[in-house]
Amino acid sequence: MIKTLAARLLALLAAIAVTVQPAAAQSLSILRDAETEQLLQDMVDPLAEAAGLGEGAVEVVLINDNSINAFVAGGQRIFVHSGLINAADSANEVQGVLAHELGHITGGHINRFSEGAGNATRITLLSALLAVGAALAGGGEAAMGVLGAGQQAAMGSFLAFSRVQEASADAASVEYIECAGIDGAGLITFFGKLQNMEYRRHIPQDESAGYSRTHPLTGDRIARLTDAINNGSGGPEADLYAEVQEAPSVSGGQVISRDPGICATAPVDTTELEERFQRVKAKLYGYLAPPERTLNNYPSYMTGAPARYARAYAYHQQAKVDEALAEVDALIAMDPQDPYFLELKGQILLESGRVEDALPPLREATRLTGSNPLIAGSLGHALIATENPANLDEAESVLRAAVGRDHENPFAWYQLGVVYGQRGDTPRARLASAEQQVMQGNFQGALVNAQAAESNLPVGSPDWIRAQDVALQARGLLERQRDRQ
């Protein structure tokens, strides 16, 4: 009996640990694209200002995952799955999701997640001790009953804690959307999509099912949000307070007071943002979907920018260079100064082996974007690929600028290491390799390369100091990795 109780206790603790594991701990496949990142930043900035965080304070990271999801995982980063972009019909819907995730950031919900798990764990341990006592007294059935009730109470406590946090984020999202002058309709329509998905999957929607969920019932959320958007932002806090009262043992449900954000004085015109969103949505679809599916969904009679964008990627995947370039040239004819059309042309030419032809559009795209790090990285790669030593100075210049503005760019660090390697500057090549390996999780390789670079760089130079920093960082990450094993 005691062994059975212990086994059930360990099983419950493991279940709670899995439930509360931060999303950042999972393996993520990040998509990097200059145009998409700029769009997402422009979408979140007015909401961040409304939240009192300020423009540029929150970063949006795109994850290559076809599920409909977004999350925060500590810090001020919002992770959005590519499947959510594909499912959204408008930029307004995505902004509604971003506003909700901002609510988690301003509420400090990730930092307080352990609080909910801790409450559940304490309930579990207490019930286990009581169950063991009952078992020792000879009450086997009573012991199992006590443990079962404890399990239910522990999980119920954690789920209630999670639902309160989600309701708090919903309430905050309305506040931020209204303050930013953004239409709140997208928030409602996106929740409607989630509800329809739940219906298709036969997920119970009755009130009793709501107590076994990490989120409030979607129908209830839609009703509350609709009422709040139609009648002003005073409603959600009252609804949230009522929910907290239903679960008085759950702490951390209150709306966290903040300094007021910067609010728009009039509704914002999102026409341009919507056009950019439709372009990016088609671009991502063309990049991620099988070419046959892309060409079926964006047939040749569709001549708008989104359709041409999608087809260009589909043809490029099929190695149909002429067809891909024809679509890109049509895009450039629409707007010869659009840097992202020029970037795509340079990418297609470079990856098709026409390296010299790729340089002019990539140079112009880099100039028009003020040396965007991702585009500059592609230009640096093209310059190296010419195998012309005369291009190494320009390659080094653009790549150093790229990593200077975007330090977390392993591709640019790798290319910079190639430049140094071709020049015979082994210490700096190894330092660049160490920078790249830290970001890719090869901490042992990063440590070895950083130490080798430090040993051969001029003592006291900026690169020598940086090699020390990278070695220290890699050593610390290795220790944390060993502690987890």
Protein backbone atom coordinates (compact mmCIF):
# COMPACT_ATOMS: atom_id res chain seq x y z
CA MET A 1 0.00 0.00 0.00
CA ILE A 2 2.78 2.45 0.93
CA LYS A 3 4.58 1.69 -2.35
CA THR A 4 1.36 2.24 -4.29
CA LEU A 5 0.80 5.59 -2.59
CA ALA A 6 4.38 6.67 -3.32
CA ALA A 7 4.05 5.70 -6.97
CA ARG A 8 0.85 7.70 -7.35
CA LEU A 9 2.41 10.68 -5.61
CA LEU A 10 5.40 10.65 -7.95
CA ALA A 11 3.11 10.33 -10.95
CA LEU A 12 1.12 13.39 -9.92
CA LEU A 13 4.22 15.46 -9.24
CA ALA A 14 5.57 14.49 -12.67
CA ALA A 15 2.27 15.50 -14.30
CA ILE A 16 2.39 18.91 -12.65
CA ALA A 17 6.03 19.38 -13.67
CA VAL A 18 5.17 18.62 -17.30
CA THR A 19 2.18 20.95 -17.19
CA VAL A 20 4.17 23.93 -15.96
CA GLN A 21 7.32 23.36 -18.04
CA PRO A 22 8.09 26.69 -19.70
CA ALA A 23 7.51 26.75 -23.44
CA ALA A 24 11.01 28.14 -23.91
CA ALA A 25 12.42 24.85 -22.65
CA GLN A 26 11.05 23.10 -25.69
CA SER A 27 13.04 22.86 -28.91
CA LEU A 28 12.11 25.80 -31.11
CA SER A 29 12.65 26.27 -34.83
CA ILE A 30 12.83 30.02 -35.36
CA LEU A 31 12.03 31.60 -38.74
CA ARG A 32 14.04 34.72 -39.58
CA ASP A 33 12.84 37.07 -42.31
CA ALA A 34 13.48 40.81 -42.43
CA GLU A 35 10.08 41.80 -43.81
CA THR A 36 8.12 39.57 -41.45
CA GLU A 37 10.05 40.71 -38.38
CA GLN A 38 9.50 44.38 -39.27
CA LEU A 39 5.77 43.78 -39.76
CA LEU A 40 5.39 42.00 -36.42
CA GLN A 41 7.36 44.75 -34.69
CA ASP A 42 5.12 47.42 -36.22
CA MET A 43 2.07 45.43 -35.09
CA VAL A 44 3.18 45.08 -31.46
CA ASP A 45 4.76 48.53 -30.91
CA PRO A 46 1.51 50.53 -30.49
CA LEU A 47 0.21 47.88 -28.12
CA ALA A 48 3.45 47.94 -26.11
CA GLU A 49 3.18 51.72 -25.83
CA ALA A 50 -0.41 51.37 -24.68
CA ALA A 51 0.77 48.84 -22.09
CA GLY A 52 3.27 51.35 -20.72
CA LEU A 53 6.28 49.34 -21.95
CA GLY A 54 7.36 51.62 -24.79
CA GLU A 55 8.10 51.22 -28.47
CA GLY A 56 10.66 48.52 -29.20
CA ALA A 57 10.45 47.08 -25.69
CA VAL A 58 8.73 43.87 -26.83
CA GLU A 59 10.10 41.55 -29.52
CA VAL A 60 7.98 39.12 -31.54
CA VAL A 61 9.67 35.86 -32.58
CA LEU A 62 8.21 33.67 -35.33
CA ILE A 63 8.29 29.89 -34.74
CA ASN A 64 8.09 27.35 -37.56
CA ASP A 65 5.12 25.37 -36.24
CA ASN A 66 1.82 24.88 -38.04
CA SER A 67 -0.25 24.81 -34.84
CA ILE A 68 -2.32 27.84 -33.88
CA ASN A 69 -0.49 29.16 -30.85
CA ALA A 70 1.38 32.06 -29.27
CA PHE A 71 3.10 32.28 -25.90
CA VAL A 72 5.54 34.19 -23.72
CA ALA A 73 8.42 32.45 -21.97
CA GLY A 74 10.06 35.01 -19.73
CA GLY A 75 11.48 38.38 -20.62
CA GLN A 76 9.66 40.59 -23.09
CA ARG A 77 9.44 38.28 -26.09
CA ILE A 78 6.27 36.97 -27.66
CA PHE A 79 6.59 33.75 -29.64
CA VAL A 80 4.09 33.32 -32.49
CA HIS A 81 3.64 30.09 -34.44
CA SER A 82 3.56 30.29 -38.22
CA GLY A 83 0.28 28.34 -38.07
CA LEU A 84 -1.34 31.28 -36.29
CA ILE A 85 -0.31 33.66 -39.09
CA ASN A 86 -1.74 31.25 -41.62
CA ALA A 87 -5.02 30.87 -39.69
CA ALA A 88 -5.54 34.60 -39.17
CA ASP A 89 -7.63 36.42 -41.76
CA SER A 90 -6.32 39.87 -40.90
CA ALA A 91 -3.58 41.80 -39.16
CA ASN A 92 -6.22 42.88 -36.67
CA GLU A 93 -6.69 39.30 -35.49
CA VAL A 94 -2.96 38.86 -34.92
CA GLN A 95 -2.83 42.13 -33.00
CA GLY A 96 -5.58 40.81 -30.74
CA VAL A 97 -3.41 37.78 -29.93
CA LEU A 98 -0.36 40.00 -29.34
CA ALA A 99 -2.40 42.17 -26.97
CA HIS A 100 -3.38 39.06 -24.99
CA GLU A 101 0.24 37.91 -24.73
CA LEU A 102 1.25 41.41 -23.61
CA GLY A 103 -1.21 40.91 -20.78
CA HIS A 104 0.83 37.92 -19.64
CA ILE A 105 4.03 39.99 -19.78
CA THR A 106 2.70 42.97 -17.83
CA GLY A 107 1.04 40.62 -15.36
CA GLY A 108 4.34 38.86 -14.67
CA HIS A 109 2.57 35.54 -15.24
CA ILE A 110 5.62 33.52 -16.29
CA ASN A 111 7.53 34.59 -13.19
CA ARG A 112 4.53 33.67 -11.04
CA PHE A 113 3.86 30.31 -12.69
CA SER A 114 5.88 28.53 -10.01
CA GLU A 115 3.49 30.01 -7.46
CA GLY A 116 0.58 28.06 -8.90
CA ALA A 117 2.67 24.90 -9.22
CA GLY A 118 3.93 25.35 -5.66
CA ASN A 119 0.39 25.56 -4.27
CA ALA A 120 -0.54 22.37 -6.12
CA THR A 121 2.58 20.58 -4.91
CA ARG A 122 1.95 21.55 -1.28
CA ILE A 123 -1.61 20.21 -1.47
CA THR A 124 -0.30 16.97 -2.98
CA LEU A 125 2.34 16.48 -0.32
CA LEU A 126 -0.11 17.17 2.49
CA SER A 127 -2.64 14.70 1.13
CA ALA A 128 0.13 12.12 0.66
CA LEU A 129 1.22 12.45 4.28
CA LEU A 130 -2.38 12.07 5.45
CA ALA A 131 -2.81 9.05 3.17
CA VAL A 132 0.34 7.39 4.48
CA GLY A 133 -0.88 7.96 8.04
CA ALA A 134 -4.22 6.37 7.21
CA ALA A 135 -2.48 3.41 5.56
CA LEU A 136 -0.25 2.82 8.59
CA ALA A 137 -3.37 2.82 10.76
CA GLY A 138 -4.78 0.04 8.61
CA GLY A 139 -7.23 2.09 6.56
CA GLY A 140 -6.14 1.15 3.06
CA GLU A 141 -9.30 2.27 1.27
CA ALA A 142 -9.40 5.49 3.28
CA ALA A 143 -5.78 6.19 2.38
CA MET A 144 -6.47 5.80 -1.32
CA GLY A 145 -9.51 8.06 -0.99
CA VAL A 146 -7.47 10.76 0.76
CA LEU A 147 -4.76 10.59 -1.91
CA GLY A 148 -7.29 10.71 -4.75
CA ALA A 149 -9.01 13.73 -3.23
CA GLY A 150 -5.63 15.40 -2.78
CA GLN A 151 -4.72 14.80 -6.40
CA GLN A 152 -7.98 16.32 -7.56
CA ALA A 153 -7.58 19.33 -5.26
CA ALA A 154 -3.97 19.91 -6.34
CA MET A 155 -4.72 19.81 -10.05
CA GLY A 156 -7.86 21.89 -9.51
CA SER A 157 -5.80 24.51 -7.69
CA PHE A 158 -3.26 24.71 -10.50
CA LEU A 159 -5.91 24.84 -13.25
CA ALA A 160 -7.81 27.56 -11.41
CA PHE A 161 -4.58 29.55 -11.07
CA SER A 162 -3.97 29.21 -14.81
CA ARG A 163 -7.55 30.24 -15.71
CA VAL A 164 -7.25 33.38 -13.59
CA GLN A 165 -4.05 34.34 -15.39
CA GLU A 166 -5.71 33.83 -18.78
CA ALA A 167 -8.71 35.92 -17.74
CA SER A 168 -6.34 38.63 -16.53
CA ALA A 169 -4.54 38.64 -19.90
CA ASP A 170 -7.91 38.86 -21.69
CA ALA A 171 -8.85 41.88 -19.60
CA ALA A 172 -5.53 43.58 -20.27
CA SER A 173 -5.79 42.92 -24.03
CA VAL A 174 -8.98 44.96 -24.28
CA GLU A 175 -7.35 47.83 -22.42
CA TYR A 176 -4.33 47.85 -24.72
CA ILE A 177 -6.35 47.55 -27.93
CA GLU A 178 -8.62 50.43 -26.94
CA CYS A 179 -5.69 52.59 -25.85
CA ALA A 180 -3.83 51.92 -29.11
CA GLY A 181 -6.85 52.98 -31.17
CA ILE A 182 -7.13 49.53 -32.76
CA ASP A 183 -10.41 47.86 -33.68
CA GLY A 184 -11.18 45.12 -31.16
CA ALA A 185 -13.18 43.03 -33.64
CA GLY A 186 -10.16 40.93 -34.56
CA LEU A 187 -9.79 39.72 -30.99
CA ILE A 188 -13.35 38.42 -31.05
CA THR A 189 -13.18 36.82 -34.50
CA PHE A 190 -9.96 34.99 -33.67
CA PHE A 191 -11.45 33.53 -30.49
CA GLY A 192 -14.37 32.49 -32.71
CA LYS A 193 -11.91 30.50 -34.84
CA LEU A 194 -10.61 28.76 -31.73
CA GLN A 195 -14.14 27.95 -30.62
CA ASN A 196 -14.99 26.46 -34.03
CA MET A 197 -11.84 24.34 -33.83
CA GLU A 198 -12.93 23.08 -30.40
CA TYR A 199 -16.36 22.18 -31.80
CA ARG A 200 -14.74 20.21 -34.63
CA ARG A 201 -12.60 18.32 -32.13
CA HIS A 202 -15.62 17.64 -29.91
CA ILE A 203 -14.08 19.42 -26.92
CA PRO A 204 -16.77 19.76 -24.20
CA GLN A 205 -18.11 23.31 -23.76
CA ASP A 206 -20.35 22.82 -20.73
CA GLU A 207 -19.72 24.57 -17.41
CA SER A 208 -18.46 21.45 -15.64
CA ALA A 209 -15.80 20.96 -18.31
CA GLY A 210 -14.51 24.45 -17.61
CA TYR A 211 -13.03 23.37 -14.29
CA SER A 212 -10.67 20.91 -16.00
CA ARG A 213 -9.19 23.47 -18.42
CA THR A 214 -6.18 25.74 -18.21
CA HIS A 215 -8.21 28.49 -19.94
CA PRO A 216 -11.74 29.76 -19.29
CA LEU A 217 -14.38 28.38 -21.64
CA THR A 218 -13.92 30.01 -25.03
CA GLY A 219 -17.58 30.93 -25.28
CA ASP A 220 -17.38 32.72 -21.92
CA ARG A 221 -14.26 34.56 -23.03
CA ILE A 222 -15.93 35.71 -26.23
CA ALA A 223 -18.96 36.96 -24.30
CA ARG A 224 -16.83 38.87 -21.79
CA LEU A 225 -14.56 40.37 -24.41
CA THR A 226 -17.49 41.37 -26.63
CA ASP A 227 -19.17 43.09 -23.71
CA ALA A 228 -15.94 44.83 -22.71
CA ILE A 229 -15.17 46.06 -26.23
CA ASN A 230 -18.73 47.28 -26.77
CA ASN A 231 -19.08 48.95 -23.38
CA GLY A 232 -15.58 50.11 -22.47
CA SER A 233 -12.72 48.45 -20.64
CA GLY A 234 -14.26 48.64 -17.18
CA GLY A 235 -16.06 45.33 -17.68
CA PRO A 236 -13.25 42.77 -17.78
CA GLU A 237 -11.80 43.64 -14.40
CA ALA A 238 -15.21 43.14 -12.74
CA ASP A 239 -15.66 39.79 -14.49
CA LEU A 240 -12.16 38.78 -13.47
CA TYR A 241 -12.80 39.74 -9.87
CA ALA A 242 -15.87 37.51 -9.86
CA GLU A 243 -13.84 34.60 -11.17
CA VAL A 244 -11.18 35.09 -8.52
CA GLN A 245 -13.90 35.09 -5.87
CA GLU A 246 -15.06 31.71 -7.16
CA ALA A 247 -11.57 30.34 -6.37
CA PRO A 248 -10.53 32.24 -3.23
CA SER A 249 -7.67 29.84 -2.45
CA VAL A 250 -5.88 30.81 -5.66
CA SER A 251 -3.46 33.68 -5.28
CA GLY A 252 -2.09 35.83 -8.07
CA GLY A 253 -5.42 36.51 -9.79
CA GLN A 254 -5.56 40.24 -9.31
CA VAL A 255 -5.07 42.70 -12.14
CA ILE A 256 -1.63 44.23 -11.67
CA SER A 257 -1.64 48.02 -11.56
CA ARG A 258 0.68 49.77 -14.02
CA ASP A 259 1.52 53.24 -15.16
CA PRO A 260 -0.86 54.31 -17.92
CA GLY A 261 0.44 53.83 -21.43
CA ILE A 262 0.47 56.29 -24.31
CA CYS A 263 -2.99 56.20 -25.89
CA ALA A 264 -3.92 57.15 -29.43
CA THR A 265 -6.16 60.19 -29.73
CA ALA A 266 -8.13 58.72 -32.64
CA PRO A 267 -8.71 55.32 -34.27
CA VAL A 268 -5.65 54.18 -36.23
CA ASP A 269 -5.85 53.58 -39.98
CA THR A 270 -4.53 50.05 -40.48
CA THR A 271 -4.99 49.84 -44.28
CA GLU A 272 -1.25 49.75 -45.01
CA LEU A 273 -0.61 47.31 -42.17
CA GLU A 274 -3.28 45.00 -43.55
CA GLU A 275 -1.74 45.07 -47.04
CA ARG A 276 1.66 44.21 -45.56
CA PHE A 277 0.13 41.40 -43.52
CA GLN A 278 -1.50 39.78 -46.56
CA ARG A 279 1.86 39.93 -48.37
CA VAL A 280 3.73 38.33 -45.49
CA LYS A 281 1.05 35.69 -44.97
CA ALA A 282 1.32 34.64 -48.63
CA LYS A 283 5.11 34.81 -48.49
CA LEU A 284 5.26 32.47 -45.50
CA TYR A 285 2.77 30.13 -47.11
CA GLY A 286 4.84 29.97 -50.30
CA TYR A 287 7.99 29.32 -48.29
CA LEU A 288 6.58 26.66 -45.95
CA ALA A 289 3.90 24.82 -47.94
CA PRO A 290 4.55 22.21 -50.64
CA PRO A 291 4.86 24.02 -54.00
CA GLU A 292 1.91 22.15 -55.53
CA ARG A 293 -0.38 23.34 -52.75
CA THR A 294 0.86 26.91 -53.07
CA LEU A 295 0.27 26.98 -56.82
CA ASN A 296 -3.19 25.53 -56.30
CA ASN A 297 -4.14 28.17 -53.75
CA TYR A 298 -2.51 31.03 -55.66
CA PRO A 299 -3.26 30.25 -59.34
CA SER A 300 -1.70 32.26 -62.16
CA TYR A 301 -4.78 34.41 -62.77
CA MET A 302 -4.22 36.04 -59.36
CA THR A 303 -1.87 38.92 -60.13
CA GLY A 304 -1.73 40.80 -56.82
CA ALA A 305 1.45 41.10 -54.78
CA PRO A 306 0.54 38.34 -52.27
CA ALA A 307 -0.13 35.77 -54.99
CA ARG A 308 3.04 36.62 -56.92
CA TYR A 309 5.03 36.44 -53.71
CA ALA A 310 3.71 32.95 -52.94
CA ARG A 311 4.25 31.67 -56.47
CA ALA A 312 7.81 33.01 -56.60
CA TYR A 313 8.72 30.88 -53.58
CA ALA A 314 6.89 27.86 -54.96
CA TYR A 315 8.69 28.06 -58.31
CA HIS A 316 12.00 28.60 -56.54
CA GLN A 317 11.44 25.42 -54.51
CA GLN A 318 10.82 23.57 -57.77
CA ALA A 319 14.06 25.00 -59.24
CA LYS A 320 12.05 26.79 -61.93
CA VAL A 321 14.32 29.81 -61.93
CA ASP A 322 12.84 31.62 -64.94
CA GLU A 323 9.28 31.35 -63.60
CA ALA A 324 10.38 32.49 -60.13
CA LEU A 325 12.26 35.48 -61.54
CA ALA A 326 9.30 36.40 -63.74
CA GLU A 327 7.09 36.65 -60.64
CA VAL A 328 9.71 38.72 -58.78
CA ASP A 329 10.26 41.04 -61.73
CA ALA A 330 6.50 41.63 -61.84
CA LEU A 331 6.63 42.53 -58.14
CA ILE A 332 9.54 44.92 -58.71
CA ALA A 333 7.62 46.53 -61.56
CA MET A 334 4.85 47.30 -59.04
CA ASP A 335 7.34 49.01 -56.71
CA PRO A 336 10.99 49.28 -57.87
CA GLN A 337 12.04 50.64 -54.46
CA ASP A 338 10.60 47.81 -52.37
CA PRO A 339 13.65 46.31 -50.64
CA TYR A 340 11.98 42.98 -49.90
CA PHE A 341 11.19 42.35 -53.58
CA LEU A 342 14.83 43.12 -54.38
CA GLU A 343 15.99 40.86 -51.55
CA LEU A 344 13.95 37.96 -52.92
CA LYS A 345 15.38 38.46 -56.41
CA GLY A 346 18.90 38.44 -55.01
CA GLN A 347 18.13 35.32 -52.97
CA ILE A 348 16.79 33.42 -55.99
CA LEU A 349 19.77 34.40 -58.13
CA LEU A 350 22.27 33.53 -55.40
CA GLU A 351 20.73 30.15 -54.62
CA SER A 352 20.52 29.39 -58.34
CA GLY A 353 24.27 29.87 -58.78
CA ARG A 354 24.09 33.29 -60.48
CA VAL A 355 26.19 34.94 -57.79
CA GLU A 356 27.39 38.02 -59.66
CA ASP A 357 23.83 38.80 -60.79
CA ALA A 358 22.65 38.58 -57.17
CA LEU A 359 24.93 41.38 -55.94
CA PRO A 360 23.13 44.46 -57.39
CA PRO A 361 19.64 43.67 -55.98
CA LEU A 362 21.10 42.62 -52.61
CA ARG A 363 23.21 45.78 -52.41
CA GLU A 364 20.19 47.93 -53.17
CA ALA A 365 18.00 46.06 -50.68
CA THR A 366 20.68 46.53 -48.03
CA ARG A 367 20.88 50.26 -48.80
CA LEU A 368 17.11 50.78 -48.79
CA THR A 369 16.70 49.07 -45.40
CA GLY A 370 19.59 50.92 -43.76
CA SER A 371 21.64 47.71 -43.65
CA ASN A 372 19.02 45.41 -42.17
CA PRO A 373 21.11 42.66 -40.50
CA LEU A 374 19.41 39.74 -42.23
CA ILE A 375 19.61 41.30 -45.70
CA ALA A 376 23.17 42.49 -45.09
CA GLY A 377 24.02 38.93 -44.05
CA SER A 378 22.75 37.65 -47.39
CA LEU A 379 24.82 40.28 -49.20
CA GLY A 380 27.90 39.22 -47.25
CA HIS A 381 27.24 35.60 -48.17
CA ALA A 382 26.92 36.54 -51.86
CA LEU A 383 30.16 38.53 -51.78
CA ILE A 384 32.02 35.55 -50.31
CA ALA A 385 30.41 33.19 -52.83
CA THR A 386 31.97 35.14 -55.72
CA GLU A 387 35.34 33.68 -54.56
CA ASN A 388 36.88 37.01 -55.48
CA PRO A 389 39.37 38.23 -52.84
CA ALA A 390 38.60 41.80 -53.89
CA ASN A 391 35.13 41.42 -52.34
CA LEU A 392 36.34 40.37 -48.89
CA ASP A 393 36.67 43.94 -47.57
CA GLU A 394 33.05 44.72 -48.45
CA ALA A 395 31.93 41.36 -47.08
CA GLU A 396 33.66 42.00 -43.76
CA SER A 397 32.16 45.49 -43.55
CA VAL A 398 28.56 44.43 -44.14
CA LEU A 399 28.83 41.33 -41.92
CA ARG A 400 30.38 43.22 -39.00
CA ALA A 401 27.56 45.74 -39.30
CA ALA A 402 25.04 42.87 -39.37
CA VAL A 403 26.29 41.19 -36.20
CA GLY A 404 26.70 44.57 -34.54
CA ARG A 405 22.98 45.27 -34.93
CA ASP A 406 21.77 41.69 -34.51
CA HIS A 407 24.17 39.77 -32.29
CA GLU A 408 21.93 36.67 -32.33
CA ASN A 409 22.52 35.93 -36.00
CA PRO A 410 24.46 32.64 -36.31
CA PHE A 411 24.44 32.72 -40.12
CA ALA A 412 26.16 36.13 -40.22
CA TRP A 413 28.70 35.01 -37.60
CA TYR A 414 29.49 31.93 -39.68
CA GLN A 415 29.99 34.03 -42.82
CA LEU A 416 32.20 36.47 -40.92
CA GLY A 417 34.29 33.51 -39.75
CA VAL A 418 34.67 32.45 -43.39
CA VAL A 419 35.99 35.92 -44.28
CA TYR A 420 38.58 35.79 -41.51
CA GLY A 421 39.50 32.23 -42.46
CA GLN A 422 40.12 33.16 -46.10
CA ARG A 423 42.37 35.98 -44.92
CA GLY A 424 44.32 33.66 -42.65
CA ASP A 425 43.13 35.47 -39.50
CA THR A 426 42.58 32.27 -37.53
CA PRO A 427 42.04 33.83 -34.07
CA ARG A 428 39.15 36.03 -35.26
CA ALA A 429 37.77 33.16 -37.33
CA ARG A 430 37.64 31.05 -34.17
CA LEU A 431 36.04 33.87 -32.20
CA ALA A 432 33.32 34.20 -34.84
CA SER A 433 32.84 30.43 -34.73
CA ALA A 434 32.50 30.57 -30.94
CA GLU A 435 29.80 33.25 -31.23
CA GLN A 436 27.92 31.07 -33.70
CA GLN A 437 28.23 27.90 -31.61
CA VAL A 438 26.90 29.52 -28.44
CA MET A 439 23.69 30.43 -30.27
CA GLN A 440 23.37 26.94 -31.74
CA GLY A 441 23.79 25.21 -28.38
CA ASN A 442 27.26 23.76 -28.98
CA PHE A 443 28.64 25.15 -25.73
CA GLN A 444 31.69 22.86 -25.60
CA GLY A 445 32.74 23.86 -29.12
CA ALA A 446 32.16 27.52 -28.27
CA LEU A 447 34.37 27.23 -25.18
CA VAL A 448 37.20 25.56 -27.10
CA ASN A 449 37.12 28.15 -29.90
CA ALA A 450 36.81 31.12 -27.55
CA GLN A 451 39.79 29.96 -25.49
CA ALA A 452 41.87 29.40 -28.64
CA ALA A 453 40.95 32.87 -29.90
CA GLU A 454 41.81 34.48 -26.56
CA SER A 455 45.24 32.82 -26.56
CA ASN A 456 46.17 34.30 -29.94
CA LEU A 457 44.51 37.73 -29.98
CA PRO A 458 46.33 40.90 -28.85
CA VAL A 459 45.97 41.14 -25.07
CA GLY A 460 43.57 43.89 -24.08
CA SER A 461 42.06 44.32 -27.56
CA PRO A 462 38.25 44.44 -27.93
CA ASP A 463 38.23 41.01 -29.62
CA TRP A 464 40.42 39.55 -26.83
CA ILE A 465 37.96 40.87 -24.22
CA ARG A 466 35.05 39.50 -26.22
CA ALA A 467 36.71 36.06 -26.42
CA GLN A 468 36.94 36.05 -22.62
CA ASP A 469 33.25 36.96 -22.36
CA VAL A 470 32.20 34.20 -24.77
CA ALA A 471 34.33 31.64 -22.92
CA LEU A 472 32.77 32.68 -19.62
CA GLN A 473 29.27 32.48 -21.11
CA ALA A 474 29.91 29.05 -22.66
CA ARG A 475 31.38 27.72 -19.41
CA GLY A 476 28.35 28.88 -17.44
CA LEU A 477 25.93 27.36 -19.94
CA LEU A 478 27.85 24.06 -19.84
CA GLU A 479 27.56 23.97 -16.06
CA ARG A 480 23.82 24.63 -16.20
CA GLN A 481 23.49 21.89 -18.83
CA ARG A 482 25.33 19.40 -16.61
CA ASP A 483 23.19 20.36 -13.58
CA ARG A 484 20.03 19.50 -15.52
CA GLN A 485 21.30 16.05 -16.49
